[in-house]
Protein backbone atom coordinates (compact mmCIF):
# COMPACT_ATOMS: atom_id res chain seq x y z
CA UNK A 1 76.03 147.85 151.37
CA UNK A 2 79.32 145.83 150.90
CA UNK A 3 82.73 145.62 149.03
CA UNK A 4 83.54 143.66 146.27
CA UNK A 5 87.48 143.09 145.83
CA UNK A 6 88.00 141.75 142.05
CA UNK A 7 91.64 140.63 141.80
CA UNK A 8 94.29 140.38 138.99
CA UNK A 9 93.19 137.19 137.78
CA UNK A 10 95.38 134.27 136.91
CA UNK A 11 95.23 133.95 132.85
CA UNK A 12 97.04 130.75 132.90
CA UNK A 13 100.32 129.88 130.79
CA UNK A 14 102.48 130.27 133.60
CA UNK A 15 101.95 134.21 134.12
CA UNK A 16 102.92 136.06 136.87
CA UNK A 17 102.18 139.64 136.26
CA UNK A 18 100.45 141.53 133.48
CA UNK A 19 100.44 145.39 132.64
CA UNK A 20 97.57 147.06 132.92
CA UNK A 21 96.65 148.69 129.94
CA UNK A 22 93.37 150.51 130.23
CA UNK A 23 90.45 151.34 132.21
CA UNK A 24 86.86 151.39 130.76
CA UNK A 25 85.66 152.85 134.16
CA UNK A 26 86.43 155.15 136.95
CA UNK A 27 85.44 156.22 140.51
CA UNK A 28 82.03 156.90 140.85
CA UNK A 29 81.36 154.48 137.47
CA UNK A 30 77.84 152.24 137.99
CA UNK A 31 78.23 148.76 136.18
CA UNK A 32 76.83 145.95 135.82
CA UNK A 33 77.38 142.16 135.58
CA UNK A 34 79.63 141.40 132.44
CA UNK A 35 80.46 144.69 131.85
CA UNK A 36 84.35 145.25 130.97
CA UNK A 37 86.14 146.83 133.47
CA UNK A 38 89.42 147.04 132.13
CA UNK A 39 91.94 145.48 129.18
CA UNK A 40 95.36 143.72 130.69
CA UNK A 41 98.29 143.07 128.40
CA UNK A 42 100.21 139.67 128.67
CA UNK A 43 102.92 138.47 126.73
CA UNK A 44 100.89 137.87 123.74
CA UNK A 45 97.75 139.08 123.92
CA UNK A 46 94.98 141.60 125.33
CA UNK A 47 92.52 140.43 127.73
CA UNK A 48 89.57 141.92 129.02
CA UNK A 49 88.15 142.02 132.63
CA UNK A 50 85.01 141.83 133.20
CA UNK A 51 82.83 142.65 136.00
CA UNK A 52 81.21 139.69 137.99
CA UNK A 53 78.75 142.11 139.71
CA UNK A 54 76.23 144.84 139.71
CA UNK A 55 77.72 148.04 141.68
CA UNK A 56 79.22 151.13 142.12
CA UNK A 57 83.25 151.41 141.58
CA UNK A 58 84.77 153.12 144.83
CA UNK A 59 88.49 152.54 144.11
CA UNK A 60 90.75 151.54 141.13
CA UNK A 61 94.05 149.05 141.95
CA UNK A 62 96.38 150.97 139.24
CA UNK A 63 97.23 153.19 136.61
CA UNK A 64 97.76 152.25 133.00
CA UNK A 65 101.02 151.32 132.34
CA UNK A 66 101.64 149.59 135.89
CA UNK A 67 102.48 145.66 135.73
CA UNK A 68 100.89 144.01 138.40
CA UNK A 69 100.98 140.73 140.28
CA UNK A 70 98.50 137.90 139.71
CA UNK A 71 96.07 138.24 142.56
CA UNK A 72 96.68 141.89 143.44
CA UNK A 73 93.52 144.17 143.90
CA UNK A 74 92.53 145.36 140.56
CA UNK A 75 88.98 147.28 141.72
CA UNK A 76 86.91 147.26 144.33
CA UNK A 77 83.16 147.82 143.53
CA UNK A 78 80.19 148.82 146.29
CA UNK A 79 77.61 146.29 146.27
CA UNK A 80 74.40 145.12 147.93
CA UNK A 81 74.91 142.44 150.58
CA UNK A 82 78.21 141.97 152.46
CA UNK A 83 80.58 141.73 149.12
CA UNK A 84 83.25 139.27 149.69
CA UNK A 85 86.08 141.94 151.41
CA UNK A 86 88.71 140.23 153.50
CA UNK A 87 90.60 141.47 156.44
CA UNK A 88 93.64 141.06 154.32
CA UNK A 89 92.53 143.01 151.33
CA UNK A 90 91.74 146.10 153.73
CA UNK A 91 95.61 146.41 154.33
CA UNK A 92 96.33 147.16 150.49
CA UNK A 93 97.21 151.02 150.16
CA UNK A 94 94.67 152.44 147.93
CA UNK A 95 96.13 154.24 145.09
CA UNK A 96 95.47 158.00 144.43
CA UNK A 97 92.69 158.91 142.32
CA UNK A 98 93.36 158.50 138.51
CA UNK A 99 92.78 161.64 136.62
CA UNK A 100 89.90 161.49 134.37
CA UNK A 101 89.04 164.06 131.30
CA UNK A 102 85.40 164.83 132.19
CA UNK A 103 83.09 164.64 135.42
CA UNK A 104 81.68 161.19 136.88
CA UNK A 105 78.98 160.63 134.86
CA UNK A 106 77.53 157.17 135.75
CA UNK A 107 75.76 155.39 132.56
CA UNK A 108 72.57 154.10 133.16
CA UNK A 109 72.22 150.19 133.97
CA UNK A 110 69.75 149.65 130.88
CA UNK A 111 71.49 151.40 128.29
CA UNK A 112 72.39 149.84 125.23
CA UNK A 113 76.38 149.75 124.40
CA UNK A 114 77.57 152.88 122.70
CA UNK A 115 77.33 152.32 119.12
CA UNK A 116 80.69 153.74 116.76
CA UNK A 117 78.78 154.54 113.54
CA UNK A 118 78.50 157.98 113.28
CA UNK A 119 74.66 159.06 113.54
CA UNK A 120 72.58 161.06 111.09
CA UNK A 121 73.70 164.82 111.07
CA UNK A 122 70.49 165.75 113.24
CA UNK A 123 71.87 163.80 115.97
CA UNK A 124 75.26 165.60 116.01
CA UNK A 125 75.92 167.87 118.62
CA UNK A 126 76.66 171.68 118.58
CA UNK A 127 79.88 172.68 117.32
CA UNK A 128 81.98 172.97 120.48
CA UNK A 129 84.88 175.48 121.48
CA UNK A 130 88.23 173.26 122.37
CA UNK A 131 88.71 172.43 125.64
CA UNK A 132 91.95 172.43 127.32
CA UNK A 133 93.35 169.43 129.39
CA UNK A 134 96.67 168.39 130.87
CA UNK A 135 99.16 166.88 128.66
CA UNK A 136 98.91 163.39 131.36
CA UNK A 137 95.54 163.15 131.01
CA UNK A 138 93.89 160.81 128.42
CA UNK A 139 90.87 161.25 127.38
CA UNK A 140 88.27 158.41 127.40
CA UNK A 141 87.93 157.29 123.51
CA UNK A 142 87.64 153.96 121.50
CA UNK A 143 90.29 153.00 119.21
CA UNK A 144 88.21 153.54 115.96
CA UNK A 145 88.03 156.89 117.46
CA UNK A 146 91.59 157.37 118.27
CA UNK A 147 92.42 156.20 114.81
CA UNK A 148 90.21 158.74 113.08
CA UNK A 149 91.55 161.49 115.32
CA UNK A 150 95.02 160.79 114.06
CA UNK A 151 93.84 160.66 110.31
CA UNK A 152 92.55 164.28 110.89
CA UNK A 153 95.32 165.30 112.70
CA UNK A 154 93.22 166.42 115.80
CA UNK A 155 94.47 166.28 119.17
CA UNK A 156 92.07 164.56 121.29
CA UNK A 157 92.80 166.19 124.59
CA UNK A 158 91.17 169.58 122.72
CA UNK A 159 87.57 167.53 121.96
CA UNK A 160 84.84 167.77 124.52
CA UNK A 161 83.22 164.20 124.90
CA UNK A 162 79.42 163.95 124.25
CA UNK A 163 79.44 160.19 125.15
CA UNK A 164 78.89 158.67 128.87
CA UNK A 165 81.31 159.87 131.05
CA UNK A 166 82.86 162.50 128.77
CA UNK A 167 84.22 159.80 126.15
CA UNK A 168 84.74 161.24 122.95
CA UNK A 169 82.71 160.14 119.76
CA UNK A 170 83.19 160.47 116.19
CA UNK A 171 80.13 163.17 116.21
CA UNK A 172 82.53 165.05 118.45
CA UNK A 173 85.26 165.10 116.23
CA UNK A 174 83.06 166.54 113.73
CA UNK A 175 81.62 169.11 115.87
CA UNK A 176 85.45 170.14 116.37
CA UNK A 177 85.91 170.39 112.79
CA UNK A 178 82.76 172.17 112.20
CA UNK A 179 84.16 174.77 114.97
CA UNK A 180 87.46 174.79 113.41
CA UNK A 181 85.36 175.77 109.78
CA UNK A 182 83.31 178.30 111.32
CA UNK A 183 86.61 180.09 112.68
CA UNK A 184 88.14 179.75 109.63
CA UNK A 185 85.00 181.62 108.03
CA UNK A 186 84.93 184.52 111.08
CA UNK A 187 88.71 184.96 110.65
CA UNK A 188 89.81 183.99 114.10
CA UNK A 189 91.54 180.91 113.36
CA UNK A 190 95.45 180.74 112.62
CA UNK A 191 97.02 181.17 109.78
CA UNK A 192 98.35 177.66 108.19
CA UNK A 193 101.90 178.94 108.73
CA UNK A 194 101.28 179.92 112.39
CA UNK A 195 103.82 178.63 114.54
CA UNK A 196 103.27 176.11 117.28
CA UNK A 197 104.17 175.59 120.38
CA UNK A 198 101.98 172.53 121.49
CA UNK A 199 103.43 169.37 122.91
CA UNK A 200 101.83 165.88 123.65
CA UNK A 201 103.12 163.21 125.92
CA UNK A 202 102.58 159.67 125.11
CA UNK A 203 103.04 156.63 127.40
CA UNK A 204 104.67 153.56 125.95
CA UNK A 205 102.36 150.96 127.85
CA UNK A 206 99.69 148.09 126.26
CA UNK A 207 100.66 147.06 123.45
CA UNK A 208 102.70 149.28 122.09
CA UNK A 209 105.18 148.81 124.87
CA UNK A 210 105.10 144.86 124.04
CA UNK A 211 105.60 145.63 120.22
CA UNK A 212 108.58 147.73 121.59
CA UNK A 213 110.06 145.33 123.55
CA UNK A 214 109.66 142.52 121.41
CA UNK A 215 111.31 144.33 118.52
CA UNK A 216 114.26 145.58 120.39
CA UNK A 217 114.60 141.47 121.61
CA UNK A 218 114.53 140.63 117.99
CA UNK A 219 117.15 142.89 116.65
CA UNK A 220 119.35 142.92 119.51
CA UNK A 221 119.39 139.01 119.64
CA UNK A 222 118.98 137.71 116.36
CA UNK A 223 121.82 138.06 113.38
CA UNK A 224 119.34 139.76 110.68
CA UNK A 225 119.72 139.71 106.78
CA UNK A 226 117.65 140.60 104.54
CA UNK A 227 117.21 139.33 100.59
CA UNK A 228 115.28 140.82 98.24
CA UNK A 229 113.96 139.23 94.85
CA UNK A 230 111.81 140.52 91.85
CA UNK A 231 108.76 138.35 90.96
CA UNK A 232 106.68 138.71 87.90
CA UNK A 233 103.25 138.07 89.55
CA UNK A 234 101.22 138.45 86.10
CA UNK A 235 100.52 134.98 85.96
CA UNK A 236 99.09 134.29 89.25
CA UNK A 237 97.18 137.64 89.26
CA UNK A 238 95.36 136.03 85.92
CA UNK A 239 94.72 133.05 87.86
CA UNK A 240 93.78 134.99 90.78
CA UNK A 241 90.97 136.67 88.71
CA UNK A 242 89.65 133.89 86.73
CA UNK A 243 88.91 132.14 90.00
CA UNK A 244 87.28 134.96 91.69
CA UNK A 245 85.24 135.30 88.37
CA UNK A 246 84.43 131.80 88.83
CA UNK A 247 84.12 131.00 92.20
CA UNK A 248 83.70 134.29 93.67
CA UNK A 249 80.14 134.11 94.67
CA UNK A 250 79.95 130.95 95.95
CA UNK A 251 83.36 130.57 97.61
CA UNK A 252 84.85 134.15 98.55
CA UNK A 253 87.18 136.28 96.65
CA UNK A 254 90.84 135.69 96.71
CA UNK A 255 93.74 137.73 97.38
CA UNK A 256 97.25 137.31 96.82
CA UNK A 257 97.83 136.33 100.07
CA UNK A 258 96.67 132.53 100.04
CA UNK A 259 98.85 132.16 97.21
CA UNK A 260 101.68 133.22 99.43
CA UNK A 261 101.07 130.94 102.19
CA UNK A 262 100.61 127.84 99.35
CA UNK A 263 103.80 129.05 97.65
CA UNK A 264 105.56 128.67 101.28
CA UNK A 265 103.93 125.53 102.34
CA UNK A 266 105.32 124.31 98.99
CA UNK A 267 109.02 125.47 99.12
CA UNK A 268 109.57 124.64 102.50
CA UNK A 269 109.25 121.18 101.80
CA UNK A 270 112.85 121.21 100.60
CA UNK A 271 113.84 123.98 103.21
CA UNK A 272 112.83 122.12 106.20
CA UNK A 273 115.53 124.67 108.05
CA UNK A 274 113.55 127.53 107.14
CA UNK A 275 110.27 126.64 108.39
CA UNK A 276 111.98 126.25 112.42
CA UNK A 277 111.94 128.03 115.77
CA UNK A 278 115.51 128.54 117.29
CA UNK A 279 115.51 128.90 121.00
CA UNK A 280 119.22 130.54 121.70
CA UNK A 281 119.30 130.12 125.37
CA UNK A 282 118.98 126.13 125.30
CA UNK A 283 120.78 126.30 122.07
CA UNK A 284 118.19 123.88 120.11
CA UNK A 285 116.54 124.13 116.84
CA UNK A 286 112.96 122.81 116.32
CA UNK A 287 112.38 122.19 112.28
CA UNK A 288 108.49 121.93 111.90
CA UNK A 289 106.67 119.53 110.05
CA UNK A 290 103.48 121.72 110.43
CA UNK A 291 103.66 124.92 108.52
CA UNK A 292 102.05 127.41 110.94
CA UNK A 293 102.03 130.67 109.36
CA UNK A 294 101.68 134.01 110.99
CA UNK A 295 100.32 137.12 109.39
CA UNK A 296 101.77 140.41 110.43
CA UNK A 297 98.25 142.20 111.12
CA UNK A 298 97.95 145.99 111.83
CA UNK A 299 95.12 146.78 114.16
CA UNK A 300 94.27 150.21 116.38
CA UNK A 301 96.59 149.14 119.45
CA UNK A 302 99.34 148.33 116.92
CA UNK A 303 101.05 145.18 115.29
CA UNK A 304 100.02 141.97 116.00
CA UNK A 305 100.30 138.38 114.28
CA UNK A 306 97.56 135.79 114.04
CA UNK A 307 98.32 132.43 113.00
CA UNK A 308 97.05 130.62 109.72
CA UNK A 309 97.36 127.12 112.00
CA UNK A 310 98.30 124.17 109.70
CA UNK A 311 98.50 125.94 106.54
CA UNK A 312 99.93 122.79 104.62
CA UNK A 313 96.59 121.34 104.82
CA UNK A 314 94.77 123.88 103.60
CA UNK A 315 93.11 125.07 100.17
CA UNK A 316 93.36 128.36 98.63
CA UNK A 317 89.65 129.46 99.84
CA UNK A 318 90.33 127.58 103.50
CA UNK A 319 93.50 130.12 103.93
CA UNK A 320 91.96 132.63 102.49
CA UNK A 321 88.79 132.66 104.98
CA UNK A 322 90.94 131.78 108.39
CA UNK A 323 93.33 134.79 107.34
CA UNK A 324 90.35 136.99 107.08
CA UNK A 325 88.61 135.94 110.16
CA UNK A 326 91.75 135.86 112.33
CA UNK A 327 92.40 139.53 110.87
CA UNK A 328 89.21 140.58 111.91
CA UNK A 329 89.93 139.18 115.59
CA UNK A 330 92.94 140.73 115.83
CA UNK A 331 91.81 144.49 114.70
CA UNK A 332 88.77 144.20 116.75
CA UNK A 333 90.92 143.11 119.79
CA UNK A 334 89.36 139.92 119.93
CA UNK A 335 91.91 137.25 118.87
CA UNK A 336 92.78 134.52 121.45
CA UNK A 337 95.85 133.93 123.08
CA UNK A 338 96.67 130.64 121.31
CA UNK A 339 95.44 132.11 117.98
CA UNK A 340 98.26 134.75 118.42
CA UNK A 341 101.19 132.65 119.39
CA UNK A 342 102.96 129.04 117.76
CA UNK A 343 103.94 130.58 114.16
CA UNK A 344 106.87 128.78 112.69
CA UNK A 345 107.27 131.15 110.13
CA UNK A 346 105.65 134.85 109.15
CA UNK A 347 103.94 136.65 106.30
CA UNK A 348 104.00 140.41 106.32
CA UNK A 349 102.59 142.64 103.63
CA UNK A 350 101.64 146.74 103.79
CA UNK A 351 99.31 146.03 101.02
CA UNK A 352 99.30 149.01 98.67
CA UNK A 353 101.54 150.89 100.63
CA UNK A 354 103.94 147.81 100.35
CA UNK A 355 106.85 150.09 98.83
CA UNK A 356 109.67 149.02 97.01
CA UNK A 357 111.80 147.44 99.35
CA UNK A 358 111.40 146.85 103.14
CA UNK A 359 113.76 145.21 105.66
CA UNK A 360 110.96 143.19 107.79
CA UNK A 361 112.06 142.24 111.70
CA UNK A 362 111.79 138.71 112.07
CA UNK A 363 109.17 136.91 114.91
CA UNK A 364 111.26 135.43 117.34
CA UNK A 365 111.97 132.65 117.87
CA UNK A 366 111.28 132.16 114.14
CA UNK A 367 114.19 132.26 111.90
CA UNK A 368 112.65 133.79 108.57
CA UNK A 369 109.91 136.13 107.76
CA UNK A 370 108.81 136.76 104.57
CA UNK A 371 107.75 140.36 103.20
CA UNK A 372 105.55 141.64 100.45
CA UNK A 373 105.86 144.71 98.54
CA UNK A 374 103.37 146.33 96.45
CA UNK A 375 102.45 145.29 92.68
CA UNK A 376 103.31 147.28 89.97
CA UNK A 377 103.45 147.87 85.89
CA UNK A 378 106.54 148.02 84.26
CA UNK A 379 108.13 147.37 80.76
CA UNK A 380 110.11 144.43 80.87
CA UNK A 381 112.22 142.32 78.36
CA UNK A 382 110.76 139.07 77.48
CA UNK A 383 112.27 136.78 74.21
CA UNK A 384 113.72 140.46 72.86
CA UNK A 385 110.24 141.74 73.37
CA UNK A 386 109.09 144.74 75.36
CA UNK A 387 105.71 144.00 77.14
CA UNK A 388 104.05 145.21 80.52
CA UNK A 389 104.04 142.68 83.26
CA UNK A 390 102.85 142.60 86.89
CA UNK A 391 106.03 143.28 88.58
CA UNK A 392 106.36 142.62 92.85
CA UNK A 393 109.20 142.49 95.57
CA UNK A 394 109.39 140.39 98.45
CA UNK A 395 112.00 141.61 100.80
CA UNK A 396 112.83 138.83 103.34
CA UNK A 397 114.86 138.44 106.65
CA UNK A 398 116.38 135.49 107.89
CA UNK A 399 118.32 134.54 111.33
CA UNK A 400 122.31 134.20 109.82
CA UNK A 401 122.75 132.23 112.80
CA UNK A 402 120.48 129.29 111.80
CA UNK A 403 119.81 129.92 107.82
CA UNK A 404 122.81 130.53 105.58
CA UNK A 405 122.62 132.89 102.73
CA UNK A 406 122.57 130.71 99.90
CA UNK A 407 119.75 129.02 101.30
CA UNK A 408 117.64 131.78 102.02
CA UNK A 409 118.28 132.79 98.34
CA UNK A 410 117.75 129.68 97.50
CA UNK A 411 114.57 129.41 99.23
CA UNK A 412 113.23 132.82 97.70
CA UNK A 413 113.91 131.61 94.41
CA UNK A 414 111.81 128.44 94.77
CA UNK A 415 108.75 131.16 95.82
CA UNK A 416 109.33 133.26 92.84
CA UNK A 417 109.44 129.89 90.15
CA UNK A 418 106.08 128.75 92.05
CA UNK A 419 104.54 132.36 91.53
CA UNK A 420 105.63 132.78 88.04
CA UNK A 421 104.35 129.35 86.94
CA UNK A 422 101.46 129.40 89.30
CA UNK A 423 100.30 125.62 88.21
CA UNK A 424 103.27 124.24 90.05
CA UNK A 425 101.65 125.07 93.24
CA UNK A 426 99.21 122.19 93.14
CA UNK A 427 101.20 119.44 91.57
CA UNK A 428 102.18 117.16 94.06
């Protein structure tokens, strides 16, 4: 038997160090070729590190949240044959073992990937009593399971996992809830007004750390100011409904986002200073002819901004398809690094949760971000008559170092005019 050492790879773009975000294996696990061992975080994206060999994990090179240099030892695997361990690698101090939530269970090499969908009720495990874990122990669970637990108000450290290596599955959450229901019926469950004294410490690592750093940097470096305008979207919503009825079956359904992207493209023709990026260290403003629209997208690991490139050359359906493709890639963690960088202006929306007003934070080094609030029906006075219209606010922020207030207001007013008279979106 020999040892195969996997070092932190050079991911490119001049990156010298990356953050170890999450382990998918632990000491003692059997791994197969191409199995994902760990997730590492660069400044732009999450990257999977696969195994190039079959073998057994014998040591891990770092803890989640640790920043590791490119070329440092990531993981050591016991393999058949001589392996690739060099004398210099043997000098590296092996870190303390990472605490795990459950005893080591080696997955079968031939096993198929574990599906996240819920199995039939007959296949669910029997209800189990809560388990106790230390506050710093991070149970194994997929992002989808973590979000489901958050929605249900369940602390994962109290749930017994039934998956490989103790991984918590959706059905384990169901079993935990079932146990709680059973306790309630027997009178053993605490009152809804009982005091709670539990605490949970959540390390800020991975994507959450990058988001925090970027938000702090944006608010510290840029001179933010926001501008809010109300828009009557009745006409554009009628056009959208008509196009979906006529072409939805063959071209796909349209949301409001492609119309907003088109409005940005047309309005920016008269406001090139807003389709720009500001390098405040070099003191250089770069105005772009191409409109690369970043579309803020919520994922299980946090906010990501995939980029619709050359929006100026896309039709409504082309933009819609690209937005949907990028959103799916971002939410599944499969977006490539170049799909998450290079935007010249950002569009952000909370959909039905958009509220009345928001103050979006700039996506540096851009100088503008356009925020979309929810659509509501309200009585409006038009030509002396009270009529019901669909109204929506745009809450947008600009870098006052680059964009003057008058230009920002005129830009948003131009978008308003385009959306209220949607035929003008397509007049050249």
